[in-house]
PDB file of N, CA and C in Angstrom:
ATOM      1  N   MET A   1       6.694   2.560 -17.598  1.00  0.00           N
ATOM      2  CA  MET A   1       5.930   1.873 -16.534  1.00  0.00           C
ATOM      3  C   MET A   1       6.177   0.331 -16.605  1.00  0.00           C
ATOM      4  N   ILE A   2       6.230  -0.302 -15.519  1.00  0.00           N
ATOM      5  CA  ILE A   2       6.438  -1.600 -15.376  1.00  0.00           C
ATOM      6  C   ILE A   2       5.090  -2.442 -15.497  1.00  0.00           C
ATOM      7  N   PRO A   3       5.113  -3.418 -16.294  1.00  0.00           N
ATOM      8  CA  PRO A   3       3.896  -4.286 -16.366  1.00  0.00           C
ATOM      9  C   PRO A   3       3.592  -4.907 -14.951  1.00  0.00           C
ATOM     10  N   ASN A   4       2.254  -5.239 -14.671  1.00  0.00           N
ATOM     11  CA  ASN A   4       2.106  -5.819 -13.413  1.00  0.00           C
ATOM     12  C   ASN A   4       2.650  -7.213 -13.223  1.00  0.00           C
ATOM     13  N   ASP A   5       2.895  -7.983 -14.240  1.00  0.00           N
ATOM     14  CA  ASP A   5       3.223  -9.326 -14.316  1.00  0.00           C
ATOM     15  C   ASP A   5       4.811  -9.466 -13.982  1.00  0.00           C
ATOM     16  N   HIS A   6       5.451  -8.326 -14.112  1.00  0.00           N
ATOM     17  CA  HIS A   6       6.855  -8.238 -13.947  1.00  0.00           C
ATOM     18  C   HIS A   6       7.331  -7.766 -12.423  1.00  0.00           C
ATOM     19  N   ILE A   7       6.287  -7.348 -11.747  1.00  0.00           N
ATOM     20  CA  ILE A   7       6.580  -6.846 -10.560  1.00  0.00           C
ATOM     21  C   ILE A   7       7.029  -8.069  -9.406  1.00  0.00           C
ATOM     22  N   PRO A   8       8.068  -8.195  -8.862  1.00  0.00           N
ATOM     23  CA  PRO A   8       8.341  -9.234  -7.936  1.00  0.00           C
ATOM     24  C   PRO A   8       7.348  -9.179  -6.663  1.00  0.00           C
ATOM     25  N   LYS A   9       7.345 -10.383  -6.149  1.00  0.00           N
ATOM     26  CA  LYS A   9       6.325 -10.443  -4.872  1.00  0.00           C
ATOM     27  C   LYS A   9       6.861  -9.566  -3.878  1.00  0.00           C
ATOM     28  N   ARG A  10       8.070  -9.554  -3.706  1.00  0.00           N
ATOM     29  CA  ARG A  10       8.517  -8.669  -2.638  1.00  0.00           C
ATOM     30  C   ARG A  10       8.277  -7.094  -2.701  1.00  0.00           C
ATOM     31  N   CYS A  11       7.961  -6.723  -3.892  1.00  0.00           N
ATOM     32  CA  CYS A  11       7.531  -5.416  -4.215  1.00  0.00           C
ATOM     33  C   CYS A  11       6.062  -5.207  -4.415  1.00  0.00           C
ATOM     34  N   SER A  12       5.387  -6.264  -4.098  1.00  0.00           N
ATOM     35  CA  SER A  12       3.876  -6.082  -4.287  1.00  0.00           C
ATOM     36  C   SER A  12       3.180  -5.216  -3.301  1.00  0.00           C
ATOM     37  N   PHE A  13       3.911  -5.184  -2.118  1.00  0.00           N
ATOM     38  CA  PHE A  13       3.244  -4.358  -1.066  1.00  0.00           C
ATOM     39  C   PHE A  13       4.302  -3.304  -0.604  1.00  0.00           C
ATOM     40  N   LEU A  14       4.071  -2.080  -0.883  1.00  0.00           N
ATOM     41  CA  LEU A  14       4.957  -0.921  -0.568  1.00  0.00           C
ATOM     42  C   LEU A  14       4.448  -0.126   0.436  1.00  0.00           C
ATOM     43  N   VAL A  15       5.223   0.126   1.402  1.00  0.00           N
ATOM     44  CA  VAL A  15       4.794   1.070   2.570  1.00  0.00           C
ATOM     45  C   VAL A  15       5.372   2.348   2.303  1.00  0.00           C
ATOM     46  N   VAL A  16       4.507   3.382   2.112  1.00  0.00           N
ATOM     47  CA  VAL A  16       4.831   4.730   1.868  1.00  0.00           C
ATOM     48  C   VAL A  16       4.546   5.538   3.110  1.00  0.00           C
ATOM     49  N   PHE A  17       5.552   5.824   3.947  1.00  0.00           N
ATOM     50  CA  PHE A  17       5.351   6.446   5.171  1.00  0.00           C
ATOM     51  C   PHE A  17       5.268   7.924   4.899  1.00  0.00           C
ATOM     52  N   GLN A  18       5.646   8.372   3.744  1.00  0.00           N
ATOM     53  CA  GLN A  18       5.573   9.731   3.443  1.00  0.00           C
ATOM     54  C   GLN A  18       4.450  10.206   2.538  1.00  0.00           C
ATOM     55  N   TYR A  19       3.396   9.497   2.693  1.00  0.00           N
ATOM     56  CA  TYR A  19       2.177   9.398   1.747  1.00  0.00           C
ATOM     57  C   TYR A  19       1.727  10.963   1.383  1.00  0.00           C
ATOM     58  N   ASN A  20       1.533  11.737   2.399  1.00  0.00           N
ATOM     59  CA  ASN A  20       1.057  13.002   2.188  1.00  0.00           C
ATOM     60  C   ASN A  20       2.032  14.202   2.485  1.00  0.00           C
ATOM     61  N   ASN A  21       3.288  13.817   2.478  1.00  0.00           N
ATOM     62  CA  ASN A  21       4.405  14.741   2.670  1.00  0.00           C
ATOM     63  C   ASN A  21       4.878  15.129   1.235  1.00  0.00           C
ATOM     64  N   TRP A  22       4.437  16.276   0.770  1.00  0.00           N
ATOM     65  CA  TRP A  22       4.970  16.729  -0.525  1.00  0.00           C
ATOM     66  C   TRP A  22       6.180  17.533  -0.487  1.00  0.00           C
ATOM     67  N   PHE A  23       7.043  17.515   0.540  1.00  0.00           N
ATOM     68  CA  PHE A  23       8.221  18.246   0.588  1.00  0.00           C
ATOM     69  C   PHE A  23       9.501  17.449   0.814  1.00  0.00           C
ATOM     70  N   THR A  24       9.389  16.135   0.789  1.00  0.00           N
ATOM     71  CA  THR A  24      10.451  15.336   1.078  1.00  0.00           C
ATOM     72  C   THR A  24      10.675  14.383   0.003  1.00  0.00           C
ATOM     73  N   PHE A  25      11.867  13.811  -0.035  1.00  0.00           N
ATOM     74  CA  PHE A  25      12.223  12.775  -0.935  1.00  0.00           C
ATOM     75  C   PHE A  25      12.119  11.430  -0.212  1.00  0.00           C
ATOM     76  N   SER A  26      11.756  10.340  -0.939  1.00  0.00           N
ATOM     77  CA  SER A  26      11.585   9.055  -0.353  1.00  0.00           C
ATOM     78  C   SER A  26      12.950   8.242  -0.376  1.00  0.00           C
ATOM     79  N   GLU A  27      12.797   7.058   0.229  1.00  0.00           N
ATOM     80  CA  GLU A  27      14.116   6.219   0.181  1.00  0.00           C
ATOM     81  C   GLU A  27      14.340   5.617  -1.042  1.00  0.00           C
ATOM     82  N   PHE A  28      13.430   5.726  -2.025  1.00  0.00           N
ATOM     83  CA  PHE A  28      13.513   5.051  -3.270  1.00  0.00           C
ATOM     84  C   PHE A  28      14.153   5.846  -4.453  1.00  0.00           C
ATOM     85  N   GLU A  29      14.806   5.236  -5.266  1.00  0.00           N
ATOM     86  CA  GLU A  29      15.620   5.799  -6.360  1.00  0.00           C
ATOM     87  C   GLU A  29      15.303   5.214  -7.762  1.00  0.00           C
ATOM     88  N   GLU A  30      15.367   5.920  -8.657  1.00  0.00           N
ATOM     89  CA  GLU A  30      15.258   5.544 -10.130  1.00  0.00           C
ATOM     90  C   GLU A  30      16.749   5.408 -10.677  1.00  0.00           C
ATOM     91  N   HIS A  31      17.109   4.142 -11.072  1.00  0.00           N
ATOM     92  CA  HIS A  31      18.519   3.998 -11.539  1.00  0.00           C
ATOM     93  C   HIS A  31      18.543   4.174 -13.066  1.00  0.00           C
ATOM     94  N   HIS A  32      19.545   5.026 -13.449  1.00  0.00           N
ATOM     95  CA  HIS A  32      19.878   5.155 -14.868  1.00  0.00           C
ATOM     96  C   HIS A  32      21.209   4.838 -15.157  1.00  0.00           C
ATOM     97  N   ALA A  33      21.679   4.824 -16.325  1.00  0.00           N
ATOM     98  CA  ALA A  33      22.897   4.188 -16.689  1.00  0.00           C
ATOM     99  C   ALA A  33      23.995   4.891 -15.958  1.00  0.00           C
ATOM    100  N   ARG A  34      24.029   6.136 -15.883  1.00  0.00           N
ATOM    101  CA  ARG A  34      25.175   6.812 -15.162  1.00  0.00           C
ATOM    102  C   ARG A  34      24.874   7.604 -13.929  1.00  0.00           C
ATOM    103  N   SER A  35      23.518   7.428 -13.441  1.00  0.00           N
ATOM    104  CA  SER A  35      23.222   8.184 -12.226  1.00  0.00           C
ATOM    105  C   SER A  35      22.011   7.542 -11.576  1.00  0.00           C
ATOM    106  N   CYS A  36      21.628   7.985 -10.422  1.00  0.00           N
ATOM    107  CA  CYS A  36      20.434   7.625  -9.697  1.00  0.00           C
ATOM    108  C   CYS A  36      19.657   8.985  -9.372  1.00  0.00           C
ATOM    109  N   ARG A  37      18.307   8.838  -9.615  1.00  0.00           N
ATOM    110  CA  ARG A  37      17.521  10.093  -9.458  1.00  0.00           C
ATOM    111  C   ARG A  37      16.603   9.682  -8.286  1.00  0.00           C
ATOM    112  N   PRO A  38      16.586  10.601  -7.238  1.00  0.00           N
ATOM    113  CA  PRO A  38      15.810  10.247  -5.961  1.00  0.00           C
ATOM    114  C   PRO A  38      14.323  10.574  -6.342  1.00  0.00           C
ATOM    115  N   ILE A  39      13.460   9.692  -5.955  1.00  0.00           N
ATOM    116  CA  ILE A  39      12.172   9.690  -6.270  1.00  0.00           C
ATOM    117  C   ILE A  39      11.357  10.530  -5.099  1.00  0.00           C
ATOM    118  N   HIS A  40      10.698  11.511  -5.494  1.00  0.00           N
ATOM    119  CA  HIS A  40       9.875  12.583  -4.623  1.00  0.00           C
ATOM    120  C   HIS A  40       8.788  11.805  -4.005  1.00  0.00           C
ATOM    121  N   ALA A  41       8.452  12.079  -2.808  1.00  0.00           N
ATOM    122  CA  ALA A  41       7.274  11.475  -2.056  1.00  0.00           C
ATOM    123  C   ALA A  41       5.924  11.680  -2.953  1.00  0.00           C
ATOM    124  N   ARG A  42       5.836  12.851  -3.504  1.00  0.00           N
ATOM    125  CA  ARG A  42       4.414  13.116  -4.403  1.00  0.00           C
ATOM    126  C   ARG A  42       4.380  12.079  -5.489  1.00  0.00           C
ATOM    127  N   GLU A  43       5.567  11.580  -6.130  1.00  0.00           N
ATOM    128  CA  GLU A  43       5.465  10.606  -7.109  1.00  0.00           C
ATOM    129  C   GLU A  43       5.055   9.207  -6.695  1.00  0.00           C
ATOM    130  N   LEU A  44       5.321   8.892  -5.413  1.00  0.00           N
ATOM    131  CA  LEU A  44       4.823   7.573  -4.916  1.00  0.00           C
ATOM    132  C   LEU A  44       3.334   7.519  -4.748  1.00  0.00           C
ATOM    133  N   THR A  45       2.885   8.553  -4.591  1.00  0.00           N
ATOM    134  CA  THR A  45       1.317   8.543  -4.306  1.00  0.00           C
ATOM    135  C   THR A  45       0.596   8.309  -5.618  1.00  0.00           C
ATOM    136  N   THR A  46       1.143   8.560  -6.669  1.00  0.00           N
ATOM    137  CA  THR A  46       0.471   8.320  -8.077  1.00  0.00           C
ATOM    138  C   THR A  46       0.777   7.091  -8.683  1.00  0.00           C
ATOM    139  N   VAL A  47       1.483   6.244  -8.092  1.00  0.00           N
ATOM    140  CA  VAL A  47       2.021   4.843  -8.767  1.00  0.00           C
ATOM    141  C   VAL A  47       0.841   3.969  -8.754  1.00  0.00           C
ATOM    142  N   ASN A  48       0.679   3.344  -9.962  1.00  0.00           N
ATOM    143  CA  ASN A  48      -0.578   2.515 -10.107  1.00  0.00           C
ATOM    144  C   ASN A  48      -0.087   1.192 -10.986  1.00  0.00           C
ATOM    145  N   ALA A  49       0.941   0.706 -10.322  1.00  0.00           N
ATOM    146  CA  ALA A  49       1.569  -0.501 -10.986  1.00  0.00           C
ATOM    147  C   ALA A  49       1.544  -1.675 -10.081  1.00  0.00           C
ATOM    148  N   PHE A  50       0.689  -1.716  -8.955  1.00  0.00           N
ATOM    149  CA  PHE A  50       0.717  -2.879  -8.118  1.00  0.00           C
ATOM    150  C   PHE A  50      -0.187  -3.981  -8.613  1.00  0.00           C
ATOM    151  N   ARG A  51       0.325  -5.218  -8.259  1.00  0.00           N
ATOM    152  CA  ARG A  51      -0.507  -6.377  -8.532  1.00  0.00           C
ATOM    153  C   ARG A  51      -1.598  -6.501  -7.713  1.00  0.00           C
ATOM    154  N   SER A  52      -2.445  -7.392  -7.827  1.00  0.00           N
ATOM    155  CA  SER A  52      -3.637  -7.717  -6.983  1.00  0.00           C
ATOM    156  C   SER A  52      -3.105  -8.110  -5.623  1.00  0.00           C
ATOM    157  N   MET A  53      -3.752  -7.597  -4.550  1.00  0.00           N
ATOM    158  CA  MET A  53      -3.276  -8.021  -3.178  1.00  0.00           C
ATOM    159  C   MET A  53      -4.173  -9.090  -2.587  1.00  0.00           C
ATOM    160  N   MET A  54      -4.830  -9.814  -3.377  1.00  0.00           N
ATOM    161  CA  MET A  54      -5.697 -10.939  -2.958  1.00  0.00           C
ATOM    162  C   MET A  54      -4.771 -12.055  -2.488  1.00  0.00           C
ATOM    163  N   HIS A  55      -4.099 -12.117  -1.570  1.00  0.00           N
ATOM    164  CA  HIS A  55      -3.241 -13.196  -1.139  1.00  0.00           C
ATOM    165  C   HIS A  55      -3.260 -13.364   0.502  1.00  0.00           C
ATOM    166  N   ASP A  56      -3.078 -14.691   0.920  1.00  0.00           N
ATOM    167  CA  ASP A  56      -3.242 -15.037   2.352  1.00  0.00           C
ATOM    168  C   ASP A  56      -1.878 -14.699   2.974  1.00  0.00           C
ATOM    169  N   ASP A  57      -0.856 -14.473   2.384  1.00  0.00           N
ATOM    170  CA  ASP A  57       0.506 -14.341   3.062  1.00  0.00           C
ATOM    171  C   ASP A  57       0.915 -12.944   3.332  1.00  0.00           C
ATOM    172  N   MET A  58       0.069 -12.038   3.355  1.00  0.00           N
ATOM    173  CA  MET A  58       0.429 -10.711   3.558  1.00  0.00           C
ATOM    174  C   MET A  58      -0.765  -9.966   4.380  1.00  0.00           C
ATOM    175  N   MET A  59      -0.302  -9.049   5.140  1.00  0.00           N
ATOM    176  CA  MET A  59      -1.302  -8.122   5.809  1.00  0.00           C
ATOM    177  C   MET A  59      -1.126  -6.726   5.266  1.00  0.00           C
ATOM    178  N   VAL A  60      -2.300  -6.158   4.873  1.00  0.00           N
ATOM    179  CA  VAL A  60      -2.328  -4.766   4.273  1.00  0.00           C
ATOM    180  C   VAL A  60      -2.897  -3.818   5.148  1.00  0.00           C
ATOM    181  N   GLY A  61      -2.229  -2.607   5.296  1.00  0.00           N
ATOM    182  CA  GLY A  61      -2.816  -1.545   5.931  1.00  0.00           C
ATOM    183  C   GLY A  61      -2.050  -0.287   5.613  1.00  0.00           C
ATOM    184  N   ALA A  62      -2.649   0.896   5.771  1.00  0.00           N
ATOM    185  CA  ALA A  62      -2.121   2.085   5.384  1.00  0.00           C
ATOM    186  C   ALA A  62      -2.454   3.256   6.400  1.00  0.00           C
ATOM    187  N   PHE A  63      -1.684   3.959   6.608  1.00  0.00           N
ATOM    188  CA  PHE A  63      -1.987   5.283   7.602  1.00  0.00           C
ATOM    189  C   PHE A  63      -1.378   6.433   7.159  1.00  0.00           C
ATOM    190  N   SER A  64      -2.025   7.498   7.225  1.00  0.00           N
ATOM    191  CA  SER A  64      -1.628   8.855   6.871  1.00  0.00           C
ATOM    192  C   SER A  64      -1.502   9.657   8.182  1.00  0.00           C
ATOM    193  N   TYR A  65      -0.265  10.281   8.416  1.00  0.00           N
ATOM    194  CA  TYR A  65      -0.041  11.021   9.534  1.00  0.00           C
ATOM    195  C   TYR A  65      -0.636  12.368   9.436  1.00  0.00           C
ATOM    196  N   SER A  66      -0.686  12.822   8.224  1.00  0.00           N
ATOM    197  CA  SER A  66      -1.277  14.215   8.103  1.00  0.00           C
ATOM    198  C   SER A  66      -2.724  14.306   8.298  1.00  0.00           C
ATOM    199  N   THR A  67      -3.416  13.230   8.141  1.00  0.00           N
ATOM    200  CA  THR A  67      -5.049  13.315   8.382  1.00  0.00           C
ATOM    201  C   THR A  67      -5.237  12.427   9.631  1.00  0.00           C
ATOM    202  N   ALA A  68      -4.240  11.578  10.047  1.00  0.00           N
ATOM    203  CA  ALA A  68      -4.455  10.720  11.293  1.00  0.00           C
ATOM    204  C   ALA A  68      -5.676   9.677  11.002  1.00  0.00           C
ATOM    205  N   VAL A  69      -5.656   9.213   9.746  1.00  0.00           N
ATOM    206  CA  VAL A  69      -6.732   8.333   9.408  1.00  0.00           C
ATOM    207  C   VAL A  69      -6.090   7.128   8.869  1.00  0.00           C
ATOM    208  N   GLY A  70      -6.479   5.932   9.502  1.00  0.00           N
ATOM    209  CA  GLY A  70      -5.995   4.627   9.147  1.00  0.00           C
ATOM    210  C   GLY A  70      -6.916   3.926   8.230  1.00  0.00           C
ATOM    211  N   LYS A  71      -6.370   3.113   7.235  1.00  0.00           N
ATOM    212  CA  LYS A  71      -7.405   2.388   6.487  1.00  0.00           C
ATOM    213  C   LYS A  71      -6.973   0.833   6.582  1.00  0.00           C
ATOM    214  N   LEU A  72      -8.052   0.052   6.759  1.00  0.00           N
ATOM    215  CA  LEU A  72      -7.871  -1.422   6.815  1.00  0.00           C
ATOM    216  C   LEU A  72      -8.015  -2.090   5.625  1.00  0.00           C
ATOM    217  N   ARG A  73      -7.673  -3.436   5.545  1.00  0.00           N
ATOM    218  CA  ARG A  73      -7.735  -4.044   4.321  1.00  0.00           C
ATOM    219  C   ARG A  73      -8.881  -3.783   3.437  1.00  0.00           C
ATOM    220  N   LYS A  74     -10.258  -3.798   4.220  1.00  0.00           N
ATOM    221  CA  LYS A  74     -11.421  -3.703   3.445  1.00  0.00           C
ATOM    222  C   LYS A  74     -11.505  -2.254   2.865  1.00  0.00           C
ATOM    223  N   ASP A  75     -10.890  -1.310   3.293  1.00  0.00           N
ATOM    224  CA  ASP A  75     -10.933   0.040   2.712  1.00  0.00           C
ATOM    225  C   ASP A  75      -9.896   0.215   1.601  1.00  0.00           C
ATOM    226  N   LEU A  76      -9.052  -0.580   1.247  1.00  0.00           N
ATOM    227  CA  LEU A  76      -8.049  -0.475   0.274  1.00  0.00           C
ATOM    228  C   LEU A  76      -8.534  -1.280  -1.018  1.00  0.00           C
ATOM    229  N   PRO A  77      -8.334  -0.673  -2.150  1.00  0.00           N
ATOM    230  CA  PRO A  77      -8.744  -1.313  -3.436  1.00  0.00           C
ATOM    231  C   PRO A  77      -8.169  -2.765  -3.798  1.00  0.00           C
ATOM    232  N   ASP A  78      -9.027  -3.456  -4.131  1.00  0.00           N
ATOM    233  CA  ASP A  78      -8.649  -4.885  -4.661  1.00  0.00           C
ATOM    234  C   ASP A  78      -7.940  -5.835  -3.470  1.00  0.00           C
ATOM    235  N   VAL A  79      -8.497  -5.487  -2.223  1.00  0.00           N
ATOM    236  CA  VAL A  79      -7.811  -6.417  -1.081  1.00  0.00           C
ATOM    237  C   VAL A  79      -8.951  -7.070  -0.559  1.00  0.00           C
ATOM    238  N   GLY A  80      -8.725  -8.328  -0.169  1.00  0.00           N
ATOM    239  CA  GLY A  80      -9.743  -9.221   0.318  1.00  0.00           C
ATOM    240  C   GLY A  80      -9.988  -8.996   1.904  1.00  0.00           C
ATOM    241  N   MET A  81     -11.011  -9.521   2.323  1.00  0.00           N
ATOM    242  CA  MET A  81     -11.349  -9.270   3.703  1.00  0.00           C
ATOM    243  C   MET A  81     -10.478 -10.042   4.717  1.00  0.00           C
ATOM    244  N   LEU A  82     -10.124  -9.412   5.731  1.00  0.00           N
ATOM    245  CA  LEU A  82      -9.326 -10.057   6.690  1.00  0.00           C
ATOM    246  C   LEU A  82     -10.111 -11.051   7.516  1.00  0.00           C
ATOM    247  N   HIS A  83     -11.333 -10.840   7.961  1.00  0.00           N
ATOM    248  CA  HIS A  83     -12.083 -11.718   8.529  1.00  0.00           C
ATOM    249  C   HIS A  83     -13.581 -11.316   8.089  1.00  0.00           C
ATOM    250  N   PRO A  84     -14.551 -12.324   8.260  1.00  0.00           N
ATOM    251  CA  PRO A  84     -15.795 -12.061   7.940  1.00  0.00           C
ATOM    252  C   PRO A  84     -16.485 -10.966   8.937  1.00  0.00           C
ATOM    253  N   MET A  85     -17.421 -10.177   8.296  1.00  0.00           N
ATOM    254  CA  MET A  85     -17.976  -9.135   9.368  1.00  0.00           C
ATOM    255  C   MET A  85     -19.000  -9.782  10.138  1.00  0.00           C
ATOM    256  N   LEU A  86     -18.800  -9.496  11.436  1.00  0.00           N
ATOM    257  CA  LEU A  86     -19.787 -10.097  12.369  1.00  0.00           C
ATOM    258  C   LEU A  86     -20.457  -8.908  13.060  1.00  0.00           C
ATOM    259  N   VAL A  87     -21.648  -9.157  13.572  1.00  0.00           N
ATOM    260  CA  VAL A  87     -22.475  -8.262  14.228  1.00  0.00           C
ATOM    261  C   VAL A  87     -21.941  -8.101  15.588  1.00  0.00           C
ATOM    262  N   ARG A  88     -21.730  -6.941  16.005  1.00  0.00           N
ATOM    263  CA  ARG A  88     -21.213  -6.653  17.387  1.00  0.00           C
ATOM    264  C   ARG A  88     -22.346  -6.878  18.392  1.00  0.00           C
ATOM    265  N   ASN A  89     -22.003  -7.188  19.488  1.00  0.00           N
ATOM    266  CA  ASN A  89     -22.947  -7.294  20.706  1.00  0.00           C
ATOM    267  C   ASN A  89     -24.159  -8.274  20.338  1.00  0.00           C
ATOM    268  N   SER A  90     -23.858  -9.172  19.566  1.00  0.00           N
ATOM    269  CA  SER A  90     -24.990 -10.112  19.198  1.00  0.00           C
ATOM    270  C   SER A  90     -25.105 -11.394  20.400  1.00  0.00           C
ATOM    271  N   LEU A  91     -26.334 -11.737  20.573  1.00  0.00           N
ATOM    272  CA  LEU A  91     -26.462 -12.697  21.595  1.00  0.00           C
ATOM    273  C   LEU A  91     -26.317 -14.143  20.922  1.00  0.00           C
ATOM    274  N   VAL A  92     -25.511 -14.999  21.377  1.00  0.00           N
ATOM    275  CA  VAL A  92     -25.260 -16.334  21.058  1.00  0.00           C
ATOM    276  C   VAL A  92     -25.700 -17.249  22.172  1.00  0.00           C
ATOM    277  N   ILE A  93     -26.686 -18.113  21.876  1.00  0.00           N
ATOM    278  CA  ILE A  93     -27.069 -19.105  22.837  1.00  0.00           C
ATOM    279  C   ILE A  93     -26.769 -20.459  22.299  1.00  0.00           C
ATOM    280  N   VAL A  94     -26.014 -21.202  23.273  1.00  0.00           N
ATOM    281  CA  VAL A  94     -25.466 -22.530  22.782  1.00  0.00           C
ATOM    282  C   VAL A  94     -26.101 -23.601  23.641  1.00  0.00           C
TER     283      VAL A  94
END
């Protein structure tokens, strides 16, 4: 397992488009001395080596095609708010 402080910034946000697809391999590989092992999609769902996503220079979102449910930044763990929560249909008098 890679420690969190060794993960480069470019790898801190990983889009897994095969999140709930248990029957395909991903585009990622695990490199060994003499071979490369393809990483199965189900292995990507259990990875827990991401650094904190509390940064202003990235947009975070996730979507699962199998459940057709999207998650915004506020629904993902350790992710800051994109904008403050405002009451809808509120009356503002200036």
